[in-house]
Amino acid sequence: MIGKETPSVLKLLVLVLPIAAVMFVAGCTTPSGIAMGPGVAILDWAPDHASVESRDEVQLRLQIQNQGGEQADNVRALLTVITFGDDEWIFGGIQSQPYQPLSDYLISPNPRYGTDGEKAEYIWYLYAPKLPEGITQTYSPRVRIFYNYMTTAVKPVTIVNDDELRHLTDIGGSLPSQASQHSGGPLSVSVVTGKHIKIDSDSGNKVFPITIHIENTGGGIPYWVSSIFNEYTIPEDKEYKINLGMQLPPGLAFADECANYASAGGPSGSVVQLWKGRSADLTCKLLITHPPAVAQEGTIKLYLYYGYAIDRSTSITVKGIEGG
């Protein structure tokens, strides 16, 4: 998208089949050359010329790409820090505002089909401020990108009867054990349990704990968002809050207040606050409602739904000329 009579953001990729979430490898390029990282990345934020004179035209180019494992929704940009006014920066062409919708959505990369994440671009056309002759000043325009995102995590669990576990130990057998995995996004989430969940037939204990760790790895600001949120600021009552949903496999149920996080998938569940926007830890108790006669495998699924904002600054040096 360009600030002067340019078509709206082109969709660079076409979905021909449903795309599964891509499990995350931080800031990497796959063997097929596909760039992958934690969510939306700013590829370019720079002026066409690093040094100009008063009232010269300046083009500020923004290019972003979704490099995470999920679709980015409601993608918006805000040009900030610099001041607009009669003797300050002014807009050129048909562009007349610092905020700009970029795309309703950006598709994620898909290594299976060898497709990169979708890109969006915008150029602000500006005129440099008036400065007296002999005065040189450096300005630092900043862009902030807002978008809605989801991180999905899965944790396989194995529930085993204590008699069966003893039998396996006697014959040198083992049970499957897998760590949790999450799709690429600016927030990561992991679920920790034991290698397996043993049912104690003597005590009848059918409740076990899990620990959930959420961490901000994208270097930006997470905030709570609804499907209709379309602002260019982050209200204080929404910052550092996200939505967490949990889906349990058949045979498991919530045994405490974590039932508030129950979800069938997508943006449902309840709000979690990240400490200073950095991380959060929760412990939940789960109840085994249908103990297996031998052993049973299932998958715990987690869904984080949130808004996210990232910043990038650049610099432009303006030289004053005769007559300002």
Protein backbone atom coordinates (compact mmCIF):
# COMPACT_ATOMS: atom_id res chain seq x y z
CA MET A 1 0.00 0.00 0.00
CA ILE A 2 1.43 3.38 -0.98
CA GLY A 3 0.50 6.88 0.12
CA LYS A 4 0.06 8.12 -3.47
CA GLU A 5 -2.66 6.62 -5.63
CA THR A 6 -1.43 3.07 -5.21
CA PRO A 7 -3.62 -0.02 -4.93
CA SER A 8 -4.36 -1.40 -1.50
CA VAL A 9 -2.13 -4.09 -0.05
CA LEU A 10 -1.96 -7.02 -2.45
CA LYS A 11 -2.50 -10.49 -1.11
CA LEU A 12 0.74 -12.19 -2.06
CA LEU A 13 -0.38 -15.67 -1.19
CA VAL A 14 -3.53 -17.60 -2.02
CA LEU A 15 -4.90 -20.23 0.31
CA VAL A 16 -5.73 -23.32 -1.68
CA LEU A 17 -5.94 -25.75 1.21
CA PRO A 18 -6.35 -25.36 4.98
CA ILE A 19 -3.00 -24.60 6.59
CA ALA A 20 -2.01 -26.20 9.87
CA ALA A 21 -0.15 -24.20 12.49
CA VAL A 22 3.61 -24.31 11.96
CA MET A 23 5.57 -25.39 15.02
CA PHE A 24 7.98 -22.68 15.98
CA VAL A 25 11.74 -22.43 15.47
CA ALA A 26 12.86 -18.96 16.55
CA GLY A 27 14.20 -16.55 13.94
CA CYS A 28 15.25 -19.13 11.37
CA THR A 29 15.16 -19.87 7.67
CA THR A 30 13.98 -23.32 6.70
CA PRO A 31 15.96 -25.49 4.24
CA SER A 32 13.56 -24.31 1.52
CA GLY A 33 14.47 -20.68 2.29
CA ILE A 34 11.25 -19.71 4.12
CA ALA A 35 11.76 -17.05 6.81
CA MET A 36 10.17 -17.97 10.13
CA GLY A 37 10.13 -16.07 13.42
CA PRO A 38 7.96 -14.90 16.32
CA GLY A 39 4.93 -13.38 14.57
CA VAL A 40 4.93 -10.25 12.41
CA ALA A 41 8.40 -8.86 11.62
CA ILE A 42 9.34 -5.40 10.34
CA LEU A 43 11.51 -6.04 7.30
CA ASP A 44 12.14 -2.41 6.37
CA TRP A 45 11.55 0.98 7.95
CA ALA A 46 13.69 3.66 6.34
CA PRO A 47 13.58 6.95 4.43
CA ASP A 48 14.46 7.13 0.75
CA HIS A 49 17.22 9.62 1.69
CA ALA A 50 18.99 9.76 5.05
CA SER A 51 19.75 13.49 4.68
CA VAL A 52 17.51 16.18 3.13
CA GLU A 53 16.96 19.93 3.13
CA SER A 54 14.03 21.87 4.54
CA ARG A 55 10.77 21.16 2.76
CA ASP A 56 12.26 18.39 0.62
CA GLU A 57 9.93 15.45 0.04
CA VAL A 58 10.72 12.40 2.14
CA GLN A 59 9.38 8.90 1.57
CA LEU A 60 9.20 6.65 4.63
CA ARG A 61 8.84 3.04 3.53
CA LEU A 62 7.42 0.33 5.77
CA GLN A 63 7.47 -3.36 4.88
CA ILE A 64 6.33 -6.14 7.22
CA GLN A 65 5.89 -9.91 6.98
CA ASN A 66 4.06 -12.53 9.00
CA GLN A 67 6.78 -15.04 9.90
CA GLY A 68 4.92 -16.87 12.67
CA GLY A 69 2.82 -20.00 12.72
CA GLU A 70 -0.64 -18.40 12.71
CA GLN A 71 -2.56 -15.84 10.68
CA ALA A 72 -2.12 -12.21 11.79
CA ASP A 73 -5.38 -10.25 11.87
CA ASN A 74 -6.31 -6.56 11.85
CA VAL A 75 -2.81 -5.33 11.01
CA ARG A 76 -2.34 -1.57 11.50
CA ALA A 77 0.52 0.95 11.60
CA LEU A 78 1.06 4.24 13.43
CA LEU A 79 3.72 6.81 12.52
CA THR A 80 4.81 8.49 15.72
CA VAL A 81 7.45 10.57 17.59
CA ILE A 82 7.78 13.28 14.90
CA THR A 83 5.54 16.36 15.10
CA PHE A 84 3.19 17.54 12.36
CA GLY A 85 2.31 21.21 11.81
CA ASP A 86 2.83 24.31 9.67
CA ASP A 87 6.57 24.59 10.33
CA GLU A 88 7.02 20.93 11.24
CA TRP A 89 6.58 17.79 9.19
CA ILE A 90 3.61 17.92 6.81
CA PHE A 91 1.94 15.23 4.73
CA GLY A 92 2.28 15.11 0.98
CA GLY A 93 0.08 13.63 -1.72
CA ILE A 94 -3.29 12.25 -0.64
CA GLN A 95 -1.97 10.90 2.65
CA SER A 96 -3.07 13.00 5.62
CA GLN A 97 -2.84 10.92 8.76
CA PRO A 98 -0.16 9.12 10.77
CA TYR A 99 -2.24 5.96 11.28
CA GLN A 100 -2.90 3.47 8.52
CA PRO A 101 -4.72 0.12 8.23
CA LEU A 102 -2.37 -2.30 6.44
CA SER A 103 -4.32 -5.53 6.03
CA ASP A 104 -7.33 -7.38 7.39
CA TYR A 105 -5.07 -10.41 7.69
CA LEU A 106 -1.60 -11.70 6.75
CA ILE A 107 -1.21 -15.41 6.01
CA SER A 108 1.49 -17.36 7.84
CA PRO A 109 4.36 -19.20 6.11
CA ASN A 110 3.74 -22.80 5.07
CA PRO A 111 6.86 -24.98 4.72
CA ARG A 112 4.74 -27.84 3.40
CA TYR A 113 3.92 -25.86 0.26
CA GLY A 114 7.12 -23.80 0.26
CA THR A 115 5.31 -20.47 0.68
CA ASP A 116 6.59 -17.47 2.65
CA GLY A 117 4.48 -15.54 5.08
CA GLU A 118 2.45 -12.75 3.55
CA LYS A 119 3.88 -9.23 3.32
CA ALA A 120 2.35 -5.77 3.47
CA GLU A 121 3.89 -2.43 2.53
CA TYR A 122 3.09 1.23 2.96
CA ILE A 123 4.90 4.49 2.12
CA TRP A 124 4.27 7.78 3.88
CA TYR A 125 4.99 10.83 1.74
CA LEU A 126 6.11 13.77 3.89
CA TYR A 127 7.78 17.17 3.57
CA ALA A 128 10.66 17.95 5.91
CA PRO A 129 10.31 20.69 8.56
CA LYS A 130 11.33 24.29 8.02
CA LEU A 131 14.68 25.05 9.63
CA PRO A 132 16.76 28.26 9.54
CA GLU A 133 19.87 28.29 7.35
CA GLY A 134 22.87 26.85 9.16
CA ILE A 135 20.76 24.62 11.44
CA THR A 136 20.88 20.86 11.08
CA GLN A 137 18.62 18.55 13.04
CA THR A 138 18.22 14.77 13.16
CA TYR A 139 14.72 13.34 13.57
CA SER A 140 13.81 9.80 14.66
CA PRO A 141 10.42 8.78 13.22
CA ARG A 142 9.08 5.59 14.74
CA VAL A 143 6.49 3.17 13.44
CA ARG A 144 4.36 0.97 15.68
CA ILE A 145 2.68 -2.12 14.22
CA PHE A 146 -0.46 -3.48 15.88
CA TYR A 147 -1.91 -6.91 15.12
CA ASN A 148 -4.03 -9.67 16.61
CA TYR A 149 -2.46 -13.09 17.02
CA MET A 150 -2.91 -16.55 18.44
CA THR A 151 -0.38 -19.01 19.82
CA THR A 152 -1.45 -22.66 19.95
CA ALA A 153 0.27 -25.29 22.09
CA VAL A 154 -0.16 -29.05 22.48
CA LYS A 155 1.02 -31.33 25.28
CA PRO A 156 0.62 -35.11 24.91
CA VAL A 157 -0.06 -36.88 28.22
CA THR A 158 -0.08 -40.57 29.09
CA ILE A 159 -2.22 -41.85 31.95
CA VAL A 160 -1.27 -45.27 33.26
CA ASN A 161 -2.58 -47.65 35.90
CA ASP A 162 0.03 -48.31 38.61
CA ASP A 163 -0.21 -52.08 38.06
CA GLU A 164 0.49 -51.62 34.35
CA LEU A 165 3.45 -49.33 35.12
CA ARG A 166 4.87 -52.03 37.41
CA HIS A 167 4.45 -54.63 34.68
CA LEU A 168 6.28 -52.41 32.18
CA THR A 169 9.10 -51.80 34.64
CA ASP A 170 9.46 -55.53 35.28
CA ILE A 171 9.90 -56.33 31.60
CA GLY A 172 12.03 -53.27 30.80
CA GLY A 173 9.31 -51.53 28.82
CA SER A 174 8.54 -47.80 28.64
CA LEU A 175 5.73 -45.36 27.97
CA PRO A 176 5.75 -42.55 25.39
CA SER A 177 6.74 -39.11 26.70
CA GLN A 178 6.73 -35.91 24.62
CA ALA A 179 7.41 -32.29 25.50
CA SER A 180 4.86 -29.60 24.70
CA GLN A 181 5.13 -27.74 21.39
CA HIS A 182 3.75 -24.36 20.34
CA SER A 183 3.14 -22.54 17.09
CA GLY A 184 5.35 -19.60 16.19
CA GLY A 185 4.26 -16.33 17.74
CA PRO A 186 5.55 -13.47 19.92
CA LEU A 187 4.21 -15.27 22.99
CA SER A 188 5.37 -18.81 23.75
CA VAL A 189 3.54 -21.23 26.01
CA SER A 190 4.57 -24.57 27.48
CA VAL A 191 2.85 -27.20 29.61
CA VAL A 192 4.84 -29.26 32.09
CA THR A 193 3.72 -32.55 33.61
CA GLY A 194 5.53 -35.69 34.68
CA LYS A 195 6.68 -38.20 32.06
CA HIS A 196 3.40 -39.97 32.67
CA ILE A 197 0.43 -39.70 35.02
CA LYS A 198 0.18 -42.67 37.35
CA ILE A 199 -3.16 -43.65 38.87
CA ASP A 200 -2.70 -44.93 42.41
CA SER A 201 -5.30 -47.68 42.69
CA ASP A 202 -4.76 -48.04 46.46
CA SER A 203 -5.32 -44.39 47.42
CA GLY A 204 -7.78 -43.67 44.64
CA ASN A 205 -5.94 -40.41 43.88
CA LYS A 206 -7.14 -39.20 40.48
CA VAL A 207 -6.04 -35.54 40.60
CA PHE A 208 -2.71 -34.33 39.22
CA PRO A 209 -1.16 -30.87 38.61
CA ILE A 210 0.14 -29.26 35.44
CA THR A 211 2.22 -26.08 35.16
CA ILE A 212 1.68 -23.57 32.35
CA HIS A 213 4.44 -21.09 31.50
CA ILE A 214 3.75 -18.14 29.16
CA GLU A 215 6.61 -15.94 28.01
CA ASN A 216 6.88 -12.84 25.83
CA THR A 217 9.63 -13.65 23.34
CA GLY A 218 8.76 -11.16 20.59
CA GLY A 219 10.23 -8.00 22.11
CA GLY A 220 6.91 -6.12 21.90
CA ILE A 221 3.85 -5.25 23.98
CA PRO A 222 1.04 -7.80 24.47
CA TYR A 223 -2.45 -6.55 25.27
CA TRP A 224 -5.99 -7.83 25.60
CA VAL A 225 -8.02 -7.49 22.45
CA SER A 226 -11.55 -8.21 21.30
CA SER A 227 -12.56 -9.00 17.74
CA ILE A 228 -13.74 -5.40 17.25
CA PHE A 229 -10.69 -3.67 18.77
CA ASN A 230 -9.31 -1.27 16.17
CA GLU A 231 -7.46 1.41 18.13
CA TYR A 232 -3.99 2.89 17.64
CA THR A 233 -3.26 3.14 21.35
CA ILE A 234 -3.14 0.50 24.10
CA PRO A 235 -5.48 1.37 27.01
CA GLU A 236 -3.83 0.91 30.39
CA ASP A 237 -6.54 -1.50 31.51
CA LYS A 238 -5.72 -3.80 28.56
CA GLU A 239 -1.91 -3.79 28.53
CA TYR A 240 -0.08 -7.02 29.41
CA LYS A 241 -3.34 -8.99 29.46
CA ILE A 242 -4.06 -11.92 27.16
CA ASN A 243 -6.76 -14.52 26.73
CA LEU A 244 -5.98 -18.15 27.63
CA GLY A 245 -8.13 -21.10 26.62
CA MET A 246 -7.54 -24.77 27.46
CA GLN A 247 -9.06 -27.85 25.87
CA LEU A 248 -8.77 -31.18 27.68
CA PRO A 249 -8.92 -34.64 26.09
CA PRO A 250 -11.72 -37.09 26.94
CA GLY A 251 -11.25 -38.57 30.40
CA LEU A 252 -9.89 -35.36 31.98
CA ALA A 253 -11.67 -32.46 33.68
CA PHE A 254 -10.69 -29.35 35.63
CA ALA A 255 -10.51 -29.81 39.40
CA ASP A 256 -10.06 -26.16 40.40
CA GLU A 257 -10.66 -22.57 39.24
CA CYS A 258 -8.75 -23.30 36.03
CA ALA A 259 -12.16 -24.37 34.74
CA ASN A 260 -12.47 -20.66 33.83
CA TYR A 261 -10.00 -21.34 31.02
CA ALA A 262 -12.09 -24.08 29.45
CA SER A 263 -12.23 -23.58 25.69
CA ALA A 264 -13.33 -25.42 22.58
CA GLY A 265 -10.59 -23.61 20.63
CA GLY A 266 -10.06 -20.06 19.45
CA PRO A 267 -10.47 -16.80 21.38
CA SER A 268 -12.38 -18.07 24.39
CA GLY A 269 -11.40 -18.84 27.97
CA SER A 270 -10.32 -16.23 30.51
CA VAL A 271 -7.83 -13.39 31.01
CA VAL A 272 -4.25 -13.87 32.22
CA GLN A 273 -1.95 -10.98 33.17
CA LEU A 274 1.74 -11.12 32.28
CA TRP A 275 4.04 -9.63 34.91
CA LYS A 276 5.39 -6.39 33.38
CA GLY A 277 4.40 -7.85 30.04
CA ARG A 278 7.10 -10.51 30.34
CA SER A 279 5.72 -13.80 31.64
CA ALA A 280 3.07 -15.64 33.62
CA ASP A 281 2.97 -19.01 35.41
CA LEU A 282 -0.14 -20.95 36.35
CA THR A 283 -0.72 -24.26 38.07
CA CYS A 284 -3.89 -26.20 37.37
CA LYS A 285 -5.27 -29.38 38.88
CA LEU A 286 -6.83 -31.90 36.55
CA LEU A 287 -9.16 -34.74 37.45
CA ILE A 288 -9.06 -38.13 35.75
CA THR A 289 -12.75 -38.83 35.25
CA HIS A 290 -12.41 -42.17 33.47
CA PRO A 291 -9.30 -44.03 34.66
CA PRO A 292 -7.98 -46.41 32.02
CA ALA A 293 -7.78 -50.12 32.73
CA VAL A 294 -4.23 -50.12 31.35
CA ALA A 295 -2.97 -46.86 29.80
CA GLN A 296 -4.40 -44.01 27.76
CA GLU A 297 -2.88 -41.19 25.70
CA GLY A 298 -4.46 -37.78 25.22
CA THR A 299 -3.51 -34.22 24.23
CA ILE A 300 -3.97 -31.02 26.23
CA LYS A 301 -4.41 -28.01 23.92
CA LEU A 302 -3.82 -24.37 24.84
CA TYR A 303 -4.84 -21.24 22.92
CA LEU A 304 -3.44 -17.77 23.58
CA TYR A 305 -5.32 -14.95 21.88
CA TYR A 306 -3.96 -11.40 22.15
CA GLY A 307 -3.05 -8.15 20.53
CA TYR A 308 0.61 -7.33 20.00
CA ALA A 309 2.55 -4.17 19.18
CA ILE A 310 6.12 -3.84 17.89
CA ASP A 311 8.18 -0.70 17.22
CA ARG A 312 11.00 0.32 14.92
CA SER A 313 12.81 3.68 14.65
CA THR A 314 14.83 5.23 11.85
CA SER A 315 16.59 8.59 11.43
CA ILE A 316 16.48 11.51 8.98
CA THR A 317 18.81 14.52 9.07
CA VAL A 318 17.28 17.82 7.91
CA LYS A 319 19.45 20.79 6.90
CA GLY A 320 18.07 24.31 7.05
CA ILE A 321 18.25 26.51 3.96
CA GLU A 322 17.92 30.21 3.23
CA GLY A 323 14.37 31.35 3.89
CA GLY A 324 13.69 28.33 6.13
